[in-house]
Amino acid sequence: MMKRLYYAGISVLVLCPFLFAQQQQARTGLDNILKYQSIFKGKRLGLITNHTAYNREGKHLIDVMAELPDVQITALFGPEHGIRGKEDAGRAIDSGEDSTLQIPVYSLYGKTRKPTAEMLQKVDVLVFDIQDIGARFYTYIWTMALAMEAAAEHGKEFVILDRPNPINGLAVEGNILDTTFSSFVGLFPIPVRHGMTVGELARLFKEEGWLNTERTLKLTVIPMSGWQRSMWFDETGLPFIKPSPNMPDLQTATVYPGICLLEGTNVSEGRGTLTPFMHFGAPWIDADSLAVWLNALSLPGIRFKPTVFTPRSISGMSTYPKYENEICNGVKIVLTDRDKLQPYWTGIRIIETIYQHYPQLLKWRKKHFDRLCGTKAIRNAILQRKDLQALRRRWSVQLDRFKQTREACLLYR
């Protein structure tokens, strides 16, 4: 069964997962919006959103807001990958106009990443509704942070329609970002796996004074209902809409906080295949040997099998991937227990192992790798063959402080 929806002039095919009647548990902020519609009455709205912002009935945020009484949508704002969610990672996106609503569509991943005074001239309230993935270097949360700054600077209200952290809200992992490495894959001092929803993160950013503004932001989070911190996304009863072209399912999101680090090296992270991040390799790797070496680490919740793959340009997913049209030898990831998996630590140990056996062949994209890690200490420790466990012990102290800091900003138990 198919249903064709139109929002903001974009034609979207929505399949039957929206018609899920059996497992209704969590309700997103968008699902709960009618309880809070007075916030928007008489206001001009700017919507920061993309293709993930559907409610349980399969209706998009734009359509939901357009039906609220005495509300006017005056601008749309798109993050990385665009309003449609189809643009390649890192590709700059131009602003434009929505032909149906005849309002501007501003790109926040192009010439500017922060709404300007001109963009906000006809906006009273900025509304953010985008599905995050739960990793520090996923850029949607930083689009949110910069938009929060802009809202404060220009006296606009900011409303977040909350959504689940798909890899649960309990697990917290990794080092805290050193702010000398702040970038659009990590602006503020949080760990790689933060275990928070976008609404909770917004509260944290505001309360800790991390927003680069002297003016106070009027922030409202419209919360979810029925979501518990222990839930993985497939336990919420919500349909998984891939939030970016190379994030096709929850399993990929589960390993992403670690395997993404391969982007900072010359090892293919699987882009250019239909299962990115679920396998990795390079033409110069011996697949059987790498599987043996990685399995010998006995990393919790994961196993590795030898594999061969050939990256290719795939429309709507990846263009010009590493080793395009070259045979890559590597390993396929097999998850054995997602609750025990430590994805970030796993990613670090994978890169350490490849470097130990291929020190002349593994190449670093130093700046990007260090940005992803939020420190240069990890790369330096691998290069100097130091004990990574010592670094990890220092992280545990940082994480304990972070957990205490975030406690006051949590909305769900």
Protein backbone atom coordinates (compact mmCIF):
# COMPACT_ATOMS: atom_id res chain seq x y z
CA MET A 1 0.00 0.00 0.00
CA MET A 2 1.34 3.45 -0.88
CA LYS A 3 0.29 6.94 -0.01
CA ARG A 4 1.59 9.98 -1.88
CA LEU A 5 2.06 13.08 0.24
CA TYR A 6 2.93 16.59 -0.81
CA TYR A 7 4.56 19.11 1.47
CA ALA A 8 6.32 22.31 0.50
CA GLY A 9 6.14 21.29 -3.13
CA ILE A 10 8.08 18.07 -2.50
CA SER A 11 6.59 14.80 -3.65
CA VAL A 12 7.37 11.99 -1.23
CA LEU A 13 6.48 8.32 -1.43
CA VAL A 14 5.46 7.10 2.01
CA LEU A 15 5.23 3.35 2.45
CA CYS A 16 3.02 1.38 4.78
CA PRO A 17 5.28 1.63 7.92
CA PHE A 18 3.23 4.71 8.79
CA LEU A 19 0.21 2.47 9.19
CA PHE A 20 1.63 0.68 12.20
CA ALA A 21 -1.23 -0.13 14.58
CA GLN A 22 0.34 -2.85 16.64
CA GLN A 23 3.21 -1.23 18.55
CA GLN A 24 2.13 2.26 19.48
CA GLN A 25 4.33 3.39 22.34
CA ALA A 26 6.32 6.59 21.92
CA ARG A 27 4.77 9.79 20.65
CA THR A 28 7.05 12.51 19.31
CA GLY A 29 6.79 16.20 20.03
CA LEU A 30 5.02 16.58 16.69
CA ASP A 31 2.49 13.95 17.74
CA ASN A 32 1.80 15.98 20.88
CA ILE A 33 1.65 19.40 19.22
CA LEU A 34 -2.07 20.02 19.64
CA LYS A 35 -1.59 20.27 23.40
CA TYR A 36 0.80 23.18 22.80
CA GLN A 37 -0.81 24.93 19.82
CA SER A 38 -1.36 28.11 21.82
CA ILE A 39 2.41 28.72 21.60
CA PHE A 40 2.06 29.32 17.87
CA LYS A 41 -1.20 31.24 17.74
CA GLY A 42 -0.87 34.51 15.86
CA LYS A 43 2.80 33.81 15.06
CA ARG A 44 4.86 33.67 11.89
CA LEU A 45 6.86 30.45 11.83
CA GLY A 46 10.21 29.48 10.38
CA LEU A 47 10.53 25.68 10.21
CA ILE A 48 13.96 24.04 10.47
CA THR A 49 13.23 20.59 9.17
CA ASN A 50 13.75 17.86 6.60
CA HIS A 51 12.21 14.64 5.33
CA THR A 52 12.22 12.97 8.80
CA ALA A 53 9.61 15.23 10.40
CA TYR A 54 6.50 13.05 10.18
CA ASN A 55 3.94 12.28 12.85
CA ARG A 56 2.43 8.88 13.55
CA GLU A 57 -0.30 9.44 10.97
CA GLY A 58 2.24 10.00 8.22
CA LYS A 59 1.69 13.76 8.07
CA HIS A 60 4.69 16.05 7.71
CA LEU A 61 5.46 18.95 10.04
CA ILE A 62 4.72 21.50 7.31
CA ASP A 63 1.24 20.10 6.75
CA VAL A 64 0.57 19.84 10.50
CA MET A 65 1.62 23.43 11.18
CA ALA A 66 -0.30 24.74 8.16
CA GLU A 67 -3.51 23.33 9.67
CA LEU A 68 -3.09 25.06 13.04
CA PRO A 69 -5.46 28.03 13.45
CA ASP A 70 -4.06 31.56 13.14
CA VAL A 71 -0.57 30.40 12.16
CA GLN A 72 1.50 31.47 9.16
CA ILE A 73 4.55 29.59 7.82
CA THR A 74 6.86 32.25 6.38
CA ALA A 75 10.18 30.41 5.85
CA LEU A 76 11.73 26.97 5.66
CA PHE A 77 15.28 26.10 6.70
CA GLY A 78 17.16 22.98 5.60
CA PRO A 79 20.17 21.31 7.30
CA GLU A 80 22.95 19.20 5.76
CA HIS A 81 21.50 16.93 3.03
CA GLY A 82 18.75 19.50 2.42
CA ILE A 83 15.01 19.60 3.05
CA ARG A 84 14.62 16.41 1.01
CA GLY A 85 17.54 14.66 2.75
CA LYS A 86 19.09 13.53 -0.54
CA GLU A 87 22.27 15.60 -0.89
CA ASP A 88 25.69 14.01 -0.33
CA ALA A 89 27.44 14.46 3.02
CA GLY A 90 29.42 17.68 3.10
CA ARG A 91 27.92 19.07 -0.11
CA ALA A 92 27.00 22.75 0.10
CA ILE A 93 23.33 23.47 -0.65
CA ASP A 94 21.89 26.64 -2.17
CA SER A 95 18.86 28.48 -0.86
CA GLY A 96 15.74 28.72 -3.00
CA GLU A 97 11.99 29.11 -2.91
CA ASP A 98 9.14 26.73 -2.25
CA SER A 99 6.89 26.83 -5.29
CA THR A 100 3.76 25.67 -3.47
CA LEU A 101 3.86 27.89 -0.38
CA GLN A 102 5.76 30.63 -2.24
CA ILE A 103 8.09 31.21 0.69
CA PRO A 104 11.90 31.09 0.87
CA VAL A 105 13.75 27.88 1.60
CA TYR A 106 17.00 28.85 3.30
CA SER A 107 19.95 26.49 3.32
CA LEU A 108 21.79 26.21 6.63
CA TYR A 109 24.46 24.11 4.97
CA GLY A 110 25.76 26.41 2.28
CA LYS A 111 27.07 29.96 2.29
CA THR A 112 25.79 30.34 5.83
CA ARG A 113 25.09 27.82 8.58
CA LYS A 114 23.39 30.26 10.91
CA PRO A 115 20.14 32.11 10.17
CA THR A 116 20.77 35.78 9.39
CA ALA A 117 18.74 38.82 10.35
CA GLU A 118 17.38 38.96 6.80
CA MET A 119 16.27 35.31 6.96
CA LEU A 120 14.47 35.95 10.25
CA GLN A 121 12.87 39.25 9.30
CA LYS A 122 9.41 37.70 8.82
CA VAL A 123 9.75 35.03 11.54
CA ASP A 124 8.49 35.21 15.13
CA VAL A 125 9.19 31.60 16.14
CA LEU A 126 11.79 29.16 14.87
CA VAL A 127 10.57 25.55 15.07
CA PHE A 128 13.08 22.68 14.94
CA ASP A 129 11.92 19.16 14.04
CA ILE A 130 14.60 16.81 12.69
CA GLN A 131 15.45 13.22 13.65
CA ASP A 132 18.97 13.05 15.13
CA ILE A 133 21.11 9.91 15.30
CA GLY A 134 22.77 10.26 18.74
CA ALA A 135 26.40 10.92 17.76
CA ARG A 136 28.31 14.16 18.37
CA PHE A 137 29.53 14.48 14.80
CA TYR A 138 26.06 14.24 13.23
CA THR A 139 25.56 17.83 12.10
CA TYR A 140 21.84 18.31 12.75
CA ILE A 141 22.40 19.17 16.42
CA TRP A 142 24.88 21.88 15.45
CA THR A 143 22.43 23.36 12.97
CA MET A 144 20.07 23.51 15.94
CA ALA A 145 22.69 25.15 18.17
CA LEU A 146 23.54 27.90 15.68
CA ALA A 147 19.84 28.52 15.01
CA MET A 148 19.32 28.85 18.77
CA GLU A 149 22.06 31.49 18.87
CA ALA A 150 20.44 33.37 15.99
CA ALA A 151 17.04 33.22 17.64
CA ALA A 152 18.44 34.71 20.85
CA GLU A 153 20.37 37.42 19.01
CA HIS A 154 17.32 38.56 17.04
CA GLY A 155 14.69 38.16 19.78
CA LYS A 156 12.91 35.15 18.29
CA GLU A 157 11.35 32.28 20.19
CA PHE A 158 12.74 28.79 19.64
CA VAL A 159 10.59 25.66 19.83
CA ILE A 160 11.87 22.08 19.55
CA LEU A 161 9.59 19.17 18.75
CA ASP A 162 11.47 16.37 20.48
CA ARG A 163 12.26 12.96 18.99
CA PRO A 164 13.96 9.81 20.35
CA ASN A 165 17.67 9.25 20.55
CA PRO A 166 17.60 6.16 18.30
CA ILE A 167 20.57 4.43 19.98
CA ASN A 168 18.96 4.91 23.43
CA GLY A 169 19.32 7.54 26.11
CA LEU A 170 21.31 5.56 28.66
CA ALA A 171 24.64 4.80 26.99
CA VAL A 172 27.22 7.58 27.12
CA GLU A 173 30.66 6.97 25.61
CA GLY A 174 33.86 8.64 24.51
CA ASN A 175 36.00 11.62 25.33
CA ILE A 176 34.61 15.09 25.87
CA LEU A 177 35.37 17.37 22.94
CA ASP A 178 38.32 19.70 23.48
CA THR A 179 36.89 23.03 22.33
CA THR A 180 40.12 23.91 20.50
CA PHE A 181 38.83 21.31 18.01
CA SER A 182 35.35 22.83 17.74
CA SER A 183 33.86 22.52 14.26
CA PHE A 184 30.55 21.73 12.63
CA VAL A 185 31.03 18.07 13.57
CA GLY A 186 31.33 19.10 17.22
CA LEU A 187 30.91 22.61 18.64
CA PHE A 188 30.46 22.05 22.36
CA PRO A 189 32.14 19.85 25.03
CA ILE A 190 29.98 16.73 24.89
CA PRO A 191 31.03 13.08 24.37
CA VAL A 192 30.69 11.29 21.05
CA ARG A 193 27.75 9.24 22.28
CA HIS A 194 25.83 11.69 24.45
CA GLY A 195 22.67 9.68 25.21
CA MET A 196 20.38 12.72 24.94
CA THR A 197 17.49 13.82 22.76
CA VAL A 198 17.68 17.03 20.73
CA GLY A 199 15.37 18.71 23.23
CA GLU A 200 17.61 17.74 26.12
CA LEU A 201 20.71 18.85 24.24
CA ALA A 202 19.11 22.23 23.56
CA ARG A 203 18.42 22.66 27.27
CA LEU A 204 22.03 21.72 28.01
CA PHE A 205 23.44 24.16 25.44
CA LYS A 206 21.38 26.98 26.92
CA GLU A 207 21.85 26.21 30.61
CA GLU A 208 25.62 25.73 30.33
CA GLY A 209 26.01 29.09 28.58
CA TRP A 210 27.61 27.54 25.51
CA LEU A 211 25.57 29.57 23.04
CA ASN A 212 27.63 32.44 21.67
CA THR A 213 25.18 35.17 22.55
CA GLU A 214 24.67 37.59 25.41
CA ARG A 215 20.90 37.62 24.99
CA THR A 216 18.64 35.11 26.72
CA LEU A 217 16.90 32.60 24.50
CA LYS A 218 13.20 31.88 25.00
CA LEU A 219 13.29 28.09 24.56
CA THR A 220 10.38 25.66 24.60
CA VAL A 221 10.73 21.90 24.19
CA ILE A 222 7.53 20.08 23.26
CA PRO A 223 8.29 16.69 24.80
CA MET A 224 7.61 13.16 23.71
CA SER A 225 5.38 10.84 25.64
CA GLY A 226 5.85 7.11 26.13
CA TRP A 227 9.62 7.24 25.48
CA GLN A 228 12.00 5.76 28.04
CA ARG A 229 15.77 6.20 28.11
CA SER A 230 16.41 2.48 27.67
CA MET A 231 14.53 2.36 24.35
CA TRP A 232 16.23 1.69 21.06
CA PHE A 233 14.40 3.14 18.10
CA ASP A 234 12.87 -0.19 17.07
CA GLU A 235 11.22 -0.36 20.50
CA THR A 236 9.35 2.95 20.05
CA GLY A 237 6.77 1.81 17.50
CA LEU A 238 7.89 4.66 15.22
CA PRO A 239 8.93 4.07 11.59
CA PHE A 240 12.64 4.51 10.89
CA ILE A 241 13.08 7.12 8.15
CA LYS A 242 16.74 7.22 7.21
CA PRO A 243 17.88 10.64 8.45
CA SER A 244 20.66 10.95 5.85
CA PRO A 245 21.52 9.15 2.61
CA ASN A 246 24.03 6.80 4.22
CA MET A 247 22.06 6.02 7.39
CA PRO A 248 19.63 3.38 6.05
CA ASP A 249 18.67 1.63 9.30
CA LEU A 250 19.07 1.41 13.05
CA GLN A 251 21.87 -1.16 12.82
CA THR A 252 23.95 1.35 10.88
CA ALA A 253 23.20 4.04 13.45
CA THR A 254 24.34 1.66 16.18
CA VAL A 255 27.88 1.29 14.80
CA TYR A 256 28.16 4.80 13.34
CA PRO A 257 29.68 6.51 16.44
CA GLY A 258 32.82 4.45 15.87
CA ILE A 259 33.00 3.45 12.22
CA CYS A 260 32.55 7.08 11.17
CA LEU A 261 36.13 7.67 12.39
CA LEU A 262 37.33 5.84 9.28
CA GLU A 263 36.30 8.95 7.35
CA GLY A 264 39.46 10.49 8.79
CA THR A 265 41.63 7.86 7.10
CA ASN A 266 42.14 6.32 3.65
CA VAL A 267 40.16 3.21 4.64
CA SER A 268 36.75 3.00 2.97
CA GLU A 269 33.89 3.19 5.48
CA GLY A 270 31.62 1.51 2.95
CA ARG A 271 30.22 4.59 1.26
CA GLY A 272 29.39 3.73 -2.31
CA THR A 273 27.65 0.53 -1.26
CA LEU A 274 24.13 -0.18 -0.03
CA THR A 275 25.43 -0.98 3.47
CA PRO A 276 27.75 1.88 4.43
CA PHE A 277 29.47 1.64 7.83
CA MET A 278 28.50 -2.04 8.10
CA HIS A 279 31.69 -3.04 6.32
CA PHE A 280 35.01 -1.35 5.67
CA GLY A 281 38.28 -2.01 3.91
CA ALA A 282 40.82 -0.99 1.27
CA PRO A 283 42.55 -2.57 -1.73
CA TRP A 284 45.75 -3.03 0.29
CA ILE A 285 44.16 -4.91 3.22
CA ASP A 286 44.12 -8.71 3.60
CA ALA A 287 40.52 -9.48 4.57
CA ASP A 288 41.11 -12.82 6.29
CA SER A 289 43.97 -11.47 8.38
CA LEU A 290 42.09 -8.33 9.42
CA ALA A 291 39.12 -10.41 10.59
CA VAL A 292 41.44 -12.58 12.71
CA TRP A 293 43.22 -9.58 14.23
CA LEU A 294 39.99 -7.75 15.09
CA ASN A 295 38.23 -10.81 16.51
CA ALA A 296 41.28 -11.44 18.70
CA LEU A 297 40.49 -8.16 20.48
CA SER A 298 37.29 -9.73 21.86
CA LEU A 299 35.44 -6.43 21.61
CA PRO A 300 32.03 -6.71 23.29
CA GLY A 301 28.90 -7.02 21.19
CA ILE A 302 30.59 -7.36 17.80
CA ARG A 303 32.31 -9.84 15.47
CA PHE A 304 34.00 -9.45 12.11
CA LYS A 305 33.83 -11.56 8.94
CA PRO A 306 36.08 -11.25 5.87
CA THR A 307 34.42 -9.58 2.91
CA VAL A 308 35.06 -7.95 -0.45
CA PHE A 309 33.20 -4.94 -1.84
CA THR A 310 33.52 -2.41 -4.64
CA PRO A 311 32.48 1.20 -3.93
CA ARG A 312 30.54 2.85 -6.73
CA SER A 313 28.75 6.15 -7.19
CA ILE A 314 25.14 5.63 -6.13
CA SER A 315 22.59 8.29 -6.94
CA GLY A 316 20.97 9.59 -3.79
CA MET A 317 23.58 7.98 -1.53
CA SER A 318 27.18 8.64 -2.46
CA THR A 319 29.09 10.11 -5.37
CA TYR A 320 32.83 9.63 -5.90
CA PRO A 321 33.39 7.44 -2.83
CA LYS A 322 36.86 6.33 -1.76
CA TYR A 323 38.31 3.67 -4.06
CA GLU A 324 35.49 4.11 -6.55
CA ASN A 325 35.28 1.04 -8.82
CA GLU A 326 38.20 -0.61 -7.02
CA ILE A 327 37.92 -3.92 -5.19
CA CYS A 328 38.27 -3.40 -1.44
CA ASN A 329 39.19 -6.20 0.93
CA GLY A 330 37.96 -5.82 4.46
CA VAL A 331 35.50 -7.04 7.04
CA LYS A 332 31.76 -7.12 7.53
CA ILE A 333 30.38 -6.17 10.94
CA VAL A 334 28.18 -8.67 12.76
CA LEU A 335 26.44 -7.26 15.82
CA THR A 336 26.02 -9.84 18.56
CA ASP A 337 24.75 -7.64 21.42
CA ARG A 338 23.98 -3.99 20.80
CA ASP A 339 23.58 -3.28 24.51
CA LYS A 340 27.15 -4.39 25.17
CA LEU A 341 28.65 -2.76 22.10
CA GLN A 342 30.93 0.22 22.71
CA PRO A 343 30.95 1.68 19.19
CA TYR A 344 33.37 4.56 19.70
CA TRP A 345 35.96 2.42 21.47
CA THR A 346 35.47 -0.22 18.79
CA GLY A 347 36.18 2.31 16.04
CA ILE A 348 39.36 3.44 17.75
CA ARG A 349 40.61 -0.12 18.20
CA ILE A 350 39.84 -0.90 14.54
CA ILE A 351 41.99 2.01 13.37
CA GLU A 352 44.74 1.13 15.85
CA THR A 353 44.80 -2.45 14.55
CA ILE A 354 44.96 -1.41 10.90
CA TYR A 355 47.79 1.01 11.67
CA GLN A 356 49.75 -1.63 13.60
CA HIS A 357 49.70 -3.98 10.62
CA TYR A 358 49.79 -1.42 7.78
CA PRO A 359 51.76 1.55 9.17
CA GLN A 360 53.04 2.58 5.75
CA LEU A 361 49.71 2.19 3.97
CA LEU A 362 47.23 3.72 6.40
CA LYS A 363 47.02 7.44 5.67
CA TRP A 364 45.41 10.07 7.85
CA ARG A 365 43.19 12.99 7.01
CA LYS A 366 44.65 14.52 10.16
CA LYS A 367 42.47 17.58 10.53
CA HIS A 368 39.25 15.71 9.92
CA PHE A 369 40.16 12.75 12.12
CA ASP A 370 41.03 15.02 15.02
CA ARG A 371 37.81 17.01 14.53
CA LEU A 372 35.77 13.82 14.66
CA CYS A 373 37.55 12.70 17.83
CA GLY A 374 37.53 16.19 19.33
CA THR A 375 41.19 15.75 20.24
CA LYS A 376 44.55 14.93 18.67
CA ALA A 377 45.44 12.66 21.59
CA ILE A 378 43.89 9.55 20.02
CA ARG A 379 45.74 9.81 16.72
CA ASN A 380 49.00 10.61 18.51
CA ALA A 381 48.59 7.64 20.85
CA ILE A 382 48.02 5.30 17.90
CA LEU A 383 51.02 6.69 16.01
CA GLN A 384 53.23 6.38 19.09
CA ARG A 385 51.83 2.94 19.91
CA LYS A 386 50.85 4.05 23.39
CA ASP A 387 48.38 2.27 25.66
CA LEU A 388 44.94 3.52 24.65
CA GLN A 389 43.46 2.23 27.88
CA ALA A 390 45.19 5.06 29.73
CA LEU A 391 43.33 7.56 27.56
CA ARG A 392 40.11 5.70 28.17
CA ARG A 393 40.55 5.85 31.93
CA ARG A 394 40.82 9.63 31.69
CA TRP A 395 37.62 9.72 29.66
CA SER A 396 35.74 7.95 32.44
CA VAL A 397 36.41 10.88 34.78
CA GLN A 398 35.22 13.31 32.12
CA LEU A 399 32.11 11.24 31.47
CA ASP A 400 31.18 11.16 35.14
CA ARG A 401 31.28 14.96 35.19
CA PHE A 402 29.25 15.16 32.00
CA LYS A 403 26.58 12.83 33.36
CA GLN A 404 26.25 15.05 36.44
CA THR A 405 26.08 18.17 34.29
CA ARG A 406 23.42 16.81 31.96
CA GLU A 407 21.20 15.47 34.75
CA ALA A 408 19.29 18.74 35.28
CA CYS A 409 18.54 18.93 31.53
CA LEU A 410 17.04 15.45 31.11
CA LEU A 411 13.32 15.31 30.34
CA TYR A 412 12.76 11.55 30.49
CA ARG A 413 13.62 8.82 32.94
